[in-house]
N, C-alpha and C. Protein backbone atom coordinates (compact mmCIF):
# COMPACT_ATOMS: atom_id res chain seq x y z
N MET A 1 124.97 114.85 18.72
CA MET A 1 125.99 115.57 17.88
C MET A 1 126.98 114.48 16.99
N LEU A 2 126.74 113.39 17.74
CA LEU A 2 128.08 112.32 17.27
C LEU A 2 127.50 111.07 17.13
N GLN A 3 127.08 110.05 16.03
CA GLN A 3 126.09 108.81 16.03
C GLN A 3 127.38 107.96 15.43
N ILE A 4 127.99 107.04 16.21
CA ILE A 4 128.67 105.80 15.54
C ILE A 4 127.84 104.56 15.38
N LYS A 5 128.26 104.21 14.03
CA LYS A 5 127.16 102.92 13.76
C LYS A 5 127.82 101.98 13.26
N ASP A 6 127.83 100.50 14.15
CA ASP A 6 128.11 99.35 13.59
C ASP A 6 129.57 99.48 13.34
N ILE A 7 130.84 100.19 14.09
CA ILE A 7 131.95 100.38 13.63
C ILE A 7 132.86 99.08 13.79
N HIS A 8 133.21 98.38 12.96
CA HIS A 8 134.42 97.34 12.72
C HIS A 8 135.74 97.94 12.49
N LYS A 9 136.81 97.20 13.10
CA LYS A 9 137.95 97.61 12.51
C LYS A 9 139.12 96.27 13.39
N SER A 10 139.73 95.76 11.93
CA SER A 10 140.95 94.83 12.40
C SER A 10 142.05 95.28 11.90
N PHE A 11 143.30 94.58 12.34
CA PHE A 11 144.91 94.90 12.13
C PHE A 11 145.23 93.30 11.74
N GLY A 12 145.47 93.29 10.37
CA GLY A 12 145.81 91.73 10.15
C GLY A 12 144.65 90.90 10.77
N THR A 13 145.11 89.52 11.21
CA THR A 13 143.63 89.09 11.81
C THR A 13 143.11 89.34 13.07
N LEU A 14 143.79 90.29 13.83
CA LEU A 14 143.16 90.76 14.98
C LEU A 14 141.94 92.07 15.00
N GLU A 15 140.89 91.33 15.36
CA GLU A 15 139.75 92.09 15.38
C GLU A 15 139.43 93.00 16.52
N VAL A 16 139.71 94.25 16.51
CA VAL A 16 139.67 94.99 17.61
C VAL A 16 138.55 95.89 18.03
N LEU A 17 137.81 96.18 16.95
CA LEU A 17 136.56 96.44 17.09
C LEU A 17 135.37 95.97 16.35
N LYS A 18 134.24 95.05 17.24
CA LYS A 18 133.73 94.43 16.53
C LYS A 18 131.79 94.82 16.67
N GLY A 19 131.81 95.96 16.37
CA GLY A 19 130.27 96.42 16.01
C GLY A 19 129.75 97.37 17.17
N ILE A 20 130.85 98.58 17.33
CA ILE A 20 130.60 99.67 18.25
C ILE A 20 129.68 100.30 17.57
N ASN A 21 128.48 100.86 18.76
CA ASN A 21 127.35 101.72 18.55
C ASN A 21 127.09 102.61 19.61
N LEU A 22 126.93 104.11 19.48
CA LEU A 22 127.16 104.92 20.47
C LEU A 22 126.50 106.10 20.06
N ASP A 23 125.39 106.60 20.40
CA ASP A 23 125.00 108.33 20.24
C ASP A 23 125.88 109.34 21.40
N VAL A 24 125.99 110.38 20.97
CA VAL A 24 126.47 111.41 21.76
C VAL A 24 125.72 112.59 21.83
N GLN A 25 125.42 113.12 22.76
CA GLN A 25 124.51 114.39 22.92
C GLN A 25 125.54 115.68 22.70
N GLN A 26 124.90 116.73 22.22
CA GLN A 26 126.16 117.85 22.23
C GLN A 26 126.21 118.24 23.70
N GLY A 27 127.17 118.91 23.99
CA GLY A 27 127.87 119.04 25.23
C GLY A 27 128.47 118.23 26.45
N ALA A 28 128.11 117.10 26.30
CA ALA A 28 128.43 115.89 26.66
C ALA A 28 129.50 115.62 26.99
N ILE A 29 130.29 114.90 28.37
CA ILE A 29 131.70 114.56 28.52
C ILE A 29 131.50 113.18 28.90
N ILE A 30 131.85 112.15 27.79
CA ILE A 30 131.92 110.87 27.74
C ILE A 30 133.42 110.49 27.95
N SER A 31 133.67 109.42 29.15
CA SER A 31 134.81 108.72 29.13
C SER A 31 134.66 107.75 28.69
N LEU A 32 135.70 106.80 27.64
CA LEU A 32 135.85 105.74 27.39
C LEU A 32 136.93 104.68 28.41
N VAL A 33 136.60 103.93 29.02
CA VAL A 33 137.79 103.06 29.79
C VAL A 33 137.71 101.28 29.18
N GLY A 34 138.55 100.97 29.65
CA GLY A 34 138.80 99.47 29.47
C GLY A 34 140.29 99.19 29.56
N ALA A 35 140.70 97.94 29.47
CA ALA A 35 141.84 97.48 29.61
C ALA A 35 143.01 97.70 28.32
N SER A 36 144.12 98.15 28.47
CA SER A 36 144.99 98.19 27.46
C SER A 36 144.42 97.40 26.20
N GLY A 37 144.80 98.06 25.05
CA GLY A 37 144.37 96.78 24.07
C GLY A 37 142.88 96.88 23.79
N ALA A 38 142.01 97.50 24.67
CA ALA A 38 140.49 97.13 24.17
C ALA A 38 140.12 97.60 23.22
N GLY A 39 140.75 98.77 22.65
CA GLY A 39 140.20 99.51 21.39
C GLY A 39 140.01 100.94 21.53
N LYS A 40 140.19 101.55 22.53
CA LYS A 40 139.48 102.90 22.89
C LYS A 40 140.31 103.82 22.33
N SER A 41 141.78 103.67 22.03
CA SER A 41 142.47 104.89 21.08
C SER A 41 142.16 104.73 19.72
N THR A 42 141.91 103.37 19.14
CA THR A 42 141.40 103.20 17.89
C THR A 42 140.09 103.22 17.48
N LEU A 43 139.02 103.70 18.38
CA LEU A 43 137.82 103.97 18.39
C LEU A 43 138.06 105.61 18.14
N LEU A 44 138.90 106.16 19.21
CA LEU A 44 139.21 107.82 19.14
C LEU A 44 139.68 108.25 17.87
N HIS A 45 140.81 106.99 17.05
CA HIS A 45 141.20 107.93 15.82
C HIS A 45 140.40 107.68 14.68
N ILE A 46 139.29 106.74 14.66
CA ILE A 46 138.27 106.75 14.02
C ILE A 46 137.25 107.62 13.87
N ILE A 47 136.96 108.11 14.97
CA ILE A 47 135.97 109.07 15.29
C ILE A 47 136.58 110.08 14.50
N GLY A 48 137.92 110.61 15.14
CA GLY A 48 138.41 111.66 14.67
C GLY A 48 138.99 111.74 12.95
N THR A 49 138.40 110.85 12.38
CA THR A 49 139.00 110.41 11.22
C THR A 49 140.55 110.66 10.63
N LEU A 50 141.39 110.07 11.83
CA LEU A 50 142.69 109.72 11.59
C LEU A 50 142.88 108.56 11.09
N ASP A 51 141.62 107.61 11.26
CA ASP A 51 141.93 106.11 10.64
C ASP A 51 140.07 105.89 10.27
N GLN A 52 140.39 104.72 9.37
CA GLN A 52 139.23 104.44 8.30
C GLN A 52 138.64 102.57 9.42
N PRO A 53 137.25 103.25 9.26
CA PRO A 53 136.98 101.64 9.92
C PRO A 53 136.80 100.75 8.65
N ASP A 54 136.81 99.50 8.66
CA ASP A 54 136.77 98.47 7.85
C ASP A 54 134.82 98.37 7.39
N ARG A 55 134.22 98.62 8.40
CA ARG A 55 132.83 99.05 8.03
C ARG A 55 132.01 99.69 9.19
N GLY A 56 130.95 100.57 8.79
CA GLY A 56 130.08 101.36 10.08
C GLY A 56 130.75 102.87 9.43
N GLU A 57 129.96 103.57 10.28
CA GLU A 57 129.63 105.04 9.96
C GLU A 57 129.81 105.81 11.27
N VAL A 58 130.43 107.08 10.80
CA VAL A 58 130.62 107.89 12.04
C VAL A 58 130.28 109.46 11.29
N ILE A 59 129.33 109.66 12.06
CA ILE A 59 128.31 110.86 11.55
C ILE A 59 128.41 112.10 12.88
N ILE A 60 129.01 113.30 12.47
CA ILE A 60 129.40 114.21 13.23
C ILE A 60 128.54 115.21 12.28
N GLN A 61 127.71 115.75 13.83
CA GLN A 61 126.64 117.06 13.49
C GLN A 61 126.13 116.70 12.01
N GLY A 62 125.53 115.85 11.50
CA GLY A 62 124.67 115.20 10.53
C GLY A 62 126.05 115.20 9.13
N THR A 63 127.24 114.95 9.36
CA THR A 63 128.11 114.85 8.25
C THR A 63 128.75 113.48 8.49
N ASN A 64 128.70 112.67 7.40
CA ASN A 64 129.09 111.07 7.26
C ASN A 64 130.58 111.42 6.80
N VAL A 65 131.49 111.41 7.87
CA VAL A 65 132.85 111.95 7.91
C VAL A 65 133.80 110.66 6.73
N HIS A 66 133.17 109.56 6.93
CA HIS A 66 134.67 108.91 6.31
C HIS A 66 133.84 108.81 4.62
N ARG A 67 132.71 109.44 4.38
CA ARG A 67 132.17 109.60 2.94
C ARG A 67 133.27 110.72 2.29
N LEU A 68 133.59 111.51 3.00
CA LEU A 68 134.06 112.94 2.41
C LEU A 68 135.61 112.59 1.66
N ARG A 69 135.54 113.28 0.49
CA ARG A 69 137.03 113.38 -0.06
C ARG A 69 138.32 113.81 0.89
N GLU A 70 139.44 113.33 0.54
CA GLU A 70 140.65 113.94 1.12
C GLU A 70 140.85 115.25 1.74
N LYS A 71 140.63 116.19 0.65
CA LYS A 71 140.63 117.64 0.99
C LYS A 71 139.55 118.01 2.13
N LYS A 72 138.43 117.43 1.63
CA LYS A 72 137.35 118.47 2.66
C LYS A 72 137.16 117.17 3.72
N LEU A 73 137.57 116.32 3.99
CA LEU A 73 138.21 115.63 5.21
C LEU A 73 138.90 116.32 6.05
N SER A 74 139.99 116.57 5.47
CA SER A 74 140.75 117.41 6.17
C SER A 74 140.46 118.76 6.69
N ASP A 75 139.47 119.21 5.93
CA ASP A 75 139.19 120.86 6.25
C ASP A 75 138.01 120.27 7.56
N PHE A 76 137.21 119.64 7.27
CA PHE A 76 136.37 119.24 8.28
C PHE A 76 137.03 118.54 9.54
N ARG A 77 137.98 118.00 9.50
CA ARG A 77 138.43 117.83 10.83
C ARG A 77 139.39 119.02 11.53
N ASN A 78 139.81 120.08 10.56
CA ASN A 78 140.63 121.11 11.53
C ASN A 78 139.60 121.78 11.96
N ARG A 79 138.23 122.15 11.16
CA ARG A 79 137.43 123.13 11.77
C ARG A 79 136.84 122.21 13.07
N GLN A 80 136.30 121.06 12.74
CA GLN A 80 135.08 120.58 13.85
C GLN A 80 135.99 119.83 14.87
N ILE A 81 137.06 119.13 14.89
CA ILE A 81 137.60 118.02 15.91
C ILE A 81 138.81 118.76 16.48
N GLY A 82 139.01 119.06 17.68
CA GLY A 82 140.07 119.22 18.50
C GLY A 82 140.87 118.09 19.20
N PHE A 83 141.85 117.97 19.26
CA PHE A 83 142.64 116.58 19.40
C PHE A 83 143.67 117.06 20.85
N ILE A 84 143.29 115.99 21.67
CA ILE A 84 144.35 116.36 23.05
C ILE A 84 144.95 114.90 23.17
N PHE A 85 146.44 114.60 23.13
CA PHE A 85 146.92 113.40 23.22
C PHE A 85 147.72 113.28 24.60
N GLN A 86 148.04 112.32 25.10
CA GLN A 86 148.89 111.88 26.31
C GLN A 86 150.21 112.36 26.28
N PHE A 87 150.98 112.31 24.90
CA PHE A 87 152.23 113.30 24.75
C PHE A 87 151.91 114.60 23.77
N HIS A 88 152.33 115.41 24.28
CA HIS A 88 151.46 116.79 23.73
C HIS A 88 151.72 117.56 22.16
N HIS A 89 152.81 116.70 21.83
CA HIS A 89 153.05 116.46 20.49
C HIS A 89 153.12 118.24 19.84
N LEU A 90 153.98 118.70 20.93
CA LEU A 90 154.42 120.53 20.64
C LEU A 90 155.60 120.47 19.86
N LEU A 91 155.64 121.35 19.21
CA LEU A 91 156.88 121.64 18.14
C LEU A 91 157.61 122.33 18.95
N PRO A 92 158.85 121.67 19.13
CA PRO A 92 159.89 122.42 20.55
C PRO A 92 160.25 123.86 19.64
N GLU A 93 160.52 123.95 18.52
CA GLU A 93 161.16 125.15 17.98
C GLU A 93 160.19 126.39 17.95
N PHE A 94 158.72 126.07 18.39
CA PHE A 94 158.34 127.04 18.38
C PHE A 94 157.78 127.65 19.75
N THR A 95 157.42 128.61 19.92
CA THR A 95 156.60 129.15 21.37
C THR A 95 155.65 128.50 21.75
N ALA A 96 155.10 128.69 22.94
CA ALA A 96 153.34 128.47 23.37
C ALA A 96 152.39 128.77 22.40
N LEU A 97 152.70 130.07 22.31
CA LEU A 97 151.85 130.78 21.37
C LEU A 97 151.48 130.48 19.75
N GLU A 98 152.79 130.30 19.56
CA GLU A 98 153.17 130.06 18.20
C GLU A 98 152.26 128.70 18.02
N ASN A 99 152.89 127.67 18.57
CA ASN A 99 151.95 126.21 18.93
C ASN A 99 150.84 126.30 18.80
N ILE A 100 150.11 126.90 19.84
CA ILE A 100 148.80 127.08 19.58
C ILE A 100 147.94 127.84 18.50
N CYS A 101 148.52 128.55 18.00
CA CYS A 101 148.29 129.16 16.64
C CYS A 101 148.15 128.01 15.09
N ILE A 102 149.00 127.35 15.08
CA ILE A 102 149.04 126.59 14.30
C ILE A 102 147.85 126.05 13.28
N PRO A 103 146.92 125.36 13.95
CA PRO A 103 145.74 124.86 13.42
C PRO A 103 144.90 126.08 12.93
N ALA A 104 144.84 127.29 13.58
CA ALA A 104 144.25 128.56 12.96
C ALA A 104 144.87 128.82 11.71
N PHE A 105 146.22 128.83 11.62
CA PHE A 105 146.84 129.14 10.47
C PHE A 105 146.73 128.40 9.30
N ILE A 106 146.66 127.21 9.52
CA ILE A 106 146.09 126.08 8.80
C ILE A 106 144.54 126.60 7.93
N LEU A 107 144.15 126.76 8.82
CA LEU A 107 142.46 127.30 8.20
C LEU A 107 142.38 128.41 7.28
N GLY A 108 143.72 129.18 7.52
CA GLY A 108 143.64 130.28 6.88
C GLY A 108 143.41 131.60 7.53
N LYS A 109 143.43 131.44 8.84
CA LYS A 109 143.36 132.89 9.49
C LYS A 109 144.69 133.75 9.80
N SER A 110 144.44 135.23 9.78
CA SER A 110 145.46 135.68 9.95
C SER A 110 146.59 135.60 11.06
N LYS A 111 147.71 136.24 11.09
CA LYS A 111 148.46 135.71 12.28
C LYS A 111 147.69 136.67 13.41
N LYS A 112 147.15 138.00 13.08
CA LYS A 112 146.95 139.24 14.29
C LYS A 112 145.42 137.94 14.98
N GLU A 113 144.59 137.74 13.66
CA GLU A 113 143.67 137.14 14.58
C GLU A 113 143.83 135.91 15.18
N SER A 114 144.68 135.10 14.74
CA SER A 114 144.74 133.90 15.65
C SER A 114 145.65 133.76 16.71
N GLU A 115 146.39 135.23 16.82
CA GLU A 115 147.16 135.12 18.03
C GLU A 115 146.30 135.75 19.27
N GLN A 116 145.42 136.54 18.50
CA GLN A 116 144.51 137.29 19.54
C GLN A 116 143.61 136.10 20.19
N LYS A 117 143.27 135.60 19.43
CA LYS A 117 142.23 134.28 20.04
C LYS A 117 142.94 133.40 20.61
N ALA A 118 144.35 133.06 20.35
CA ALA A 118 145.26 132.01 21.19
C ALA A 118 145.47 133.06 22.54
N LEU A 119 145.81 133.94 22.48
CA LEU A 119 145.91 134.68 23.90
C LEU A 119 144.72 134.72 24.70
N GLY A 120 143.65 135.02 24.18
CA GLY A 120 142.14 134.83 24.91
C GLY A 120 142.00 133.39 25.55
N ILE A 121 142.07 132.44 25.13
CA ILE A 121 142.15 130.96 25.64
C ILE A 121 143.53 130.95 26.44
N MET A 122 144.47 131.38 26.28
CA MET A 122 145.55 131.24 27.13
C MET A 122 145.16 131.87 28.18
N GLU A 123 144.51 133.09 28.36
CA GLU A 123 143.94 133.87 29.38
C GLU A 123 143.20 132.63 30.31
N ILE A 124 142.26 132.07 29.90
CA ILE A 124 141.14 131.62 30.17
C ILE A 124 141.76 130.46 31.21
N LEU A 125 142.95 129.69 30.42
CA LEU A 125 143.57 128.20 30.97
C LEU A 125 144.79 128.79 31.76
N ARG A 126 145.04 130.44 32.00
CA ARG A 126 145.81 130.61 32.99
C ARG A 126 147.29 130.29 32.80
N ILE A 127 147.51 130.32 31.50
CA ILE A 127 149.20 130.33 31.14
C ILE A 127 149.50 131.31 29.77
N ARG A 128 148.48 132.49 29.99
CA ARG A 128 148.99 133.66 29.03
C ARG A 128 150.26 134.29 29.50
N GLU A 129 150.83 134.17 30.44
CA GLU A 129 152.11 134.46 30.76
C GLU A 129 153.17 133.73 30.26
N ARG A 130 152.67 132.69 29.73
CA ARG A 130 153.81 131.54 29.16
C ARG A 130 154.17 131.68 27.50
N ALA A 131 153.12 132.62 27.32
CA ALA A 131 153.02 132.79 25.55
C ALA A 131 154.18 132.54 24.83
N GLY A 132 155.22 133.34 25.32
CA GLY A 132 156.51 133.28 24.71
C GLY A 132 157.47 132.39 24.87
N HIS A 133 156.99 131.60 25.98
CA HIS A 133 157.84 130.30 26.18
C HIS A 133 158.38 129.25 25.29
N LYS A 134 158.91 128.40 25.44
CA LYS A 134 159.29 127.18 24.25
C LYS A 134 158.58 126.22 25.40
N PRO A 135 158.18 125.02 24.63
CA PRO A 135 157.75 123.70 25.25
C PRO A 135 158.84 123.37 26.57
N SER A 136 160.21 123.71 26.27
CA SER A 136 161.46 123.06 27.26
C SER A 136 160.93 123.73 28.42
N ALA A 137 160.73 125.07 28.22
CA ALA A 137 160.50 126.23 29.43
C ALA A 137 159.33 125.88 30.24
N LEU A 138 158.33 124.73 29.96
CA LEU A 138 156.90 124.87 30.48
C LEU A 138 157.11 123.41 31.25
N SER A 139 156.22 123.54 32.15
CA SER A 139 156.07 122.28 33.04
C SER A 139 155.25 121.23 32.51
N GLY A 140 154.87 120.16 32.77
CA GLY A 140 153.90 119.03 32.07
C GLY A 140 152.51 119.66 32.27
N GLY A 141 152.16 120.03 33.28
CA GLY A 141 150.99 120.84 33.21
C GLY A 141 150.56 122.01 32.59
N GLU A 142 151.71 122.61 32.13
CA GLU A 142 151.69 123.79 31.26
C GLU A 142 151.59 123.68 29.87
N GLN A 143 152.33 122.27 29.62
CA GLN A 143 152.50 121.65 28.40
C GLN A 143 151.30 121.40 27.77
N GLN A 144 150.28 120.71 28.51
CA GLN A 144 149.20 119.91 28.32
C GLN A 144 147.97 121.00 28.03
N ARG A 145 148.32 121.93 29.08
CA ARG A 145 147.37 123.41 28.78
C ARG A 145 147.59 123.66 27.57
N VAL A 146 148.91 123.95 26.95
CA VAL A 146 148.89 124.61 25.65
C VAL A 146 148.05 123.92 24.50
N ALA A 147 148.59 122.22 24.95
CA ALA A 147 147.96 121.42 23.85
C ALA A 147 146.39 121.66 23.85
N VAL A 148 145.66 121.71 25.26
CA VAL A 148 144.38 122.12 25.03
C VAL A 148 144.11 123.28 24.12
N ALA A 149 144.85 124.62 24.42
CA ALA A 149 144.39 125.73 23.71
C ALA A 149 144.24 125.42 22.27
N ARG A 150 145.49 124.63 22.02
CA ARG A 150 145.66 124.59 20.57
C ARG A 150 144.44 123.67 20.01
N ALA A 151 143.62 122.73 20.87
CA ALA A 151 142.36 122.13 20.41
C ALA A 151 141.42 122.82 19.97
N LEU A 152 141.45 123.91 21.25
CA LEU A 152 140.08 124.89 21.28
C LEU A 152 140.28 126.20 19.99
N ILE A 153 141.64 126.33 19.37
CA ILE A 153 141.93 127.42 18.47
C ILE A 153 140.72 127.58 17.37
N ASN A 154 140.03 126.68 17.07
CA ASN A 154 138.90 126.64 15.69
C ASN A 154 138.01 126.54 15.99
N ASP A 155 137.49 126.61 17.61
CA ASP A 155 136.30 126.17 18.06
C ASP A 155 135.19 125.18 17.68
N PRO A 156 136.26 123.84 17.64
CA PRO A 156 135.64 122.66 16.81
C PRO A 156 134.50 122.22 18.11
N ALA A 157 133.37 121.70 17.61
CA ALA A 157 132.43 121.11 18.07
C ALA A 157 132.66 119.78 18.78
N LEU A 158 133.77 119.18 18.48
CA LEU A 158 134.12 117.75 19.21
C LEU A 158 135.42 117.60 19.76
N ILE A 159 135.86 117.65 20.97
CA ILE A 159 136.89 117.36 21.32
C ILE A 159 137.48 115.77 21.80
N LEU A 160 138.40 115.34 21.43
CA LEU A 160 138.55 114.24 21.31
C LEU A 160 140.28 113.93 22.38
N ALA A 161 140.15 113.37 23.38
CA ALA A 161 141.32 113.29 24.20
C ALA A 161 141.32 111.98 24.68
N ASP A 162 143.07 111.55 24.30
CA ASP A 162 143.31 110.26 24.33
C ASP A 162 144.30 110.09 25.72
N GLU A 163 143.88 109.58 26.97
CA GLU A 163 145.01 109.49 28.12
C GLU A 163 145.80 111.00 28.47
N PRO A 164 144.65 111.91 28.41
CA PRO A 164 144.94 113.28 28.31
C PRO A 164 145.66 113.62 29.91
N SER A 165 145.87 112.84 31.01
CA SER A 165 146.41 113.02 31.93
C SER A 165 147.38 112.38 32.25
N GLY A 166 147.66 111.04 31.59
CA GLY A 166 148.35 110.19 31.54
C GLY A 166 149.86 110.54 32.08
N ASN A 167 150.53 112.02 31.74
CA ASN A 167 151.84 111.75 31.86
C ASN A 167 152.06 113.38 32.60
N LEU A 168 150.84 113.17 33.71
CA LEU A 168 150.75 114.55 34.82
C LEU A 168 150.60 114.20 36.16
N ASP A 169 151.16 114.64 37.24
CA ASP A 169 151.40 114.41 38.10
C ASP A 169 149.78 114.43 39.15
N SER A 170 149.62 113.91 40.08
CA SER A 170 148.31 113.78 40.48
C SER A 170 147.65 115.33 40.58
N VAL A 171 148.09 115.97 40.95
CA VAL A 171 147.71 117.55 41.14
C VAL A 171 147.55 118.33 39.59
N ALA A 172 148.61 118.16 38.88
CA ALA A 172 148.35 118.77 37.38
C ALA A 172 146.90 117.95 36.98
N ALA A 173 147.01 116.45 37.14
CA ALA A 173 145.95 115.73 36.64
C ALA A 173 144.59 116.32 36.89
N VAL A 174 144.22 116.45 38.48
CA VAL A 174 143.26 116.96 38.88
C VAL A 174 142.93 118.34 38.12
N ALA A 175 144.09 119.27 38.08
CA ALA A 175 143.71 120.46 37.59
C ALA A 175 143.18 120.32 36.21
N LEU A 176 143.72 119.52 35.30
CA LEU A 176 143.26 119.26 34.28
C LEU A 176 141.72 118.52 34.05
N HIS A 177 141.43 117.85 34.66
CA HIS A 177 140.16 117.23 35.05
C HIS A 177 139.05 118.24 35.10
N LYS A 178 139.36 119.20 36.49
CA LYS A 178 138.60 119.95 36.72
C LYS A 178 138.20 121.28 35.58
N LEU A 179 139.41 121.09 34.51
CA LEU A 179 139.43 122.15 33.49
C LEU A 179 138.40 122.04 32.57
N PHE A 180 138.47 120.84 32.20
CA PHE A 180 137.21 120.47 30.92
C PHE A 180 136.13 120.61 31.19
N PHE A 181 135.76 120.54 32.66
CA PHE A 181 134.41 120.76 32.58
C PHE A 181 134.18 122.09 33.06
N GLU A 182 135.01 123.09 33.33
CA GLU A 182 135.01 124.68 33.03
C GLU A 182 134.80 124.99 31.66
N LEU A 183 135.90 124.18 31.02
CA LEU A 183 135.63 124.67 29.22
C LEU A 183 134.14 124.24 28.61
N ARG A 184 133.77 123.06 29.07
CA ARG A 184 132.50 122.66 28.60
C ARG A 184 131.39 123.39 29.11
N GLU A 185 131.40 124.18 30.37
CA GLU A 185 130.14 125.12 30.52
C GLU A 185 130.57 126.81 29.59
N GLN A 186 131.85 126.60 29.36
CA GLN A 186 131.99 128.17 28.68
C GLN A 186 132.07 128.02 26.99
N PHE A 187 132.36 126.82 26.44
CA PHE A 187 132.24 126.87 24.87
C PHE A 187 131.40 125.70 24.29
N HIS A 188 130.72 125.18 25.49
CA HIS A 188 129.55 124.08 25.04
C HIS A 188 129.93 123.24 24.08
N GLN A 189 131.20 122.20 24.08
CA GLN A 189 131.73 121.48 23.39
C GLN A 189 131.48 120.17 23.78
N THR A 190 131.55 119.25 23.18
CA THR A 190 131.63 117.59 23.43
C THR A 190 132.57 116.85 23.43
N TYR A 191 132.96 116.54 24.81
CA TYR A 191 134.08 115.66 24.59
C TYR A 191 134.11 114.18 25.00
N VAL A 192 134.67 113.38 24.13
CA VAL A 192 134.83 111.68 24.26
C VAL A 192 136.56 111.65 25.15
N ILE A 193 136.65 111.22 25.88
CA ILE A 193 137.81 111.01 26.60
C ILE A 193 138.36 109.29 26.51
N ALA A 194 139.37 108.98 26.49
CA ALA A 194 139.82 107.78 26.68
C ALA A 194 140.70 107.92 27.73
N THR A 195 140.49 107.12 29.00
CA THR A 195 141.28 107.29 29.91
C THR A 195 141.47 106.07 30.76
N HIS A 196 142.46 105.81 31.56
CA HIS A 196 142.61 104.79 32.74
C HIS A 196 142.29 105.29 34.29
N ASN A 197 141.90 106.97 33.93
CA ASN A 197 142.00 107.59 35.46
C ASN A 197 140.57 107.60 35.98
N GLN A 198 140.40 106.75 36.74
CA GLN A 198 138.97 106.29 37.55
C GLN A 198 138.55 107.78 38.11
N GLU A 199 139.39 108.33 38.68
CA GLU A 199 138.83 109.92 39.10
C GLU A 199 138.13 110.66 37.95
N LEU A 200 138.61 110.85 36.74
CA LEU A 200 138.09 111.44 35.63
C LEU A 200 137.00 110.61 35.30
N ALA A 201 136.93 109.42 34.86
CA ALA A 201 135.75 108.56 34.65
C ALA A 201 134.84 109.07 35.36
N ALA A 202 134.92 109.14 36.78
CA ALA A 202 133.81 109.07 37.83
C ALA A 202 133.33 110.51 37.76
N MET A 203 134.04 111.74 37.10
CA MET A 203 133.35 113.21 36.76
C MET A 203 132.21 112.95 35.86
N SER A 204 132.91 111.86 34.67
CA SER A 204 131.74 112.25 33.49
C SER A 204 130.44 112.29 33.48
N ASP A 205 129.80 112.43 32.45
CA ASP A 205 128.42 112.54 32.63
C ASP A 205 128.14 110.90 31.86
N ARG A 206 128.96 110.35 31.34
CA ARG A 206 128.73 109.09 30.79
C ARG A 206 130.07 107.89 31.01
N ILE A 207 130.00 106.73 31.83
CA ILE A 207 130.83 105.98 31.34
C ILE A 207 130.69 104.74 30.63
N LEU A 208 131.61 104.87 29.42
CA LEU A 208 131.37 103.61 28.68
C LEU A 208 132.58 102.73 28.81
N THR A 209 132.48 101.13 28.78
CA THR A 209 133.59 100.29 29.19
C THR A 209 133.36 99.61 27.81
N ILE A 210 134.58 99.58 27.08
CA ILE A 210 134.95 98.72 26.25
C ILE A 210 135.68 97.61 26.16
N ARG A 211 135.34 96.23 26.20
CA ARG A 211 135.52 95.06 26.49
C ARG A 211 135.70 94.12 25.23
N ASP A 212 136.46 93.43 24.58
CA ASP A 212 136.54 92.28 23.74
C ASP A 212 136.08 93.15 22.32
N GLY A 213 136.18 94.17 22.16
CA GLY A 213 135.70 94.87 20.83
C GLY A 213 134.43 95.78 20.85
N ILE A 214 133.72 95.53 21.89
CA ILE A 214 132.23 96.12 22.10
C ILE A 214 132.19 96.99 23.32
N ILE A 215 131.13 97.81 23.14
CA ILE A 215 130.86 98.84 24.42
C ILE A 215 129.64 97.80 25.23
N VAL A 216 130.52 97.31 26.59
CA VAL A 216 129.45 96.56 27.49
C VAL A 216 128.57 97.56 28.44
N THR A 217 128.71 98.46 28.66
CA THR A 217 128.05 99.38 29.79
C THR A 217 127.95 100.97 29.00
């Protein structure tokens, strides 16, 4: 469902990605590991269409995403890709429920439909009782579950996670890692996760190490 072909990316004279090639099957959970600065986040941003490669192709479910014009690309991203970041990026003025619904609103879904879907996901993630709370009233683990729910709201085929447990304590991190596998079984989505957490990497279907701009394992 995901093909990455000969991806190169430089920032000025610094060549970060030097020819990344990767095929990912539907429903797989892939961990990207490597030292800080190895290019994990850069690769995720290119897969997620948040950045353009200097050359190469990213094909998601048969669509060569970097050939799409801006409006079609934005629509594709909102429908097909969910993002989970180390920093939750929740909007502080909105409740947990409202934060989760934002991608659905952007897609044009009604308030009623969006809230019903969001509450159902919150039930699965065991945070439904926190729906009316703003981020400042939530624990770190609860905030990250809200971010996960937001990533799931539009039923994307691909979930990209960048150090998703990096700001969590060990108990919350383990809970989040187990949650990814529960969600994979329920929603059959594909996960590509950049992580320094060895426990999460060890749970994955495949571990890919990025070193010196290429995948070495």
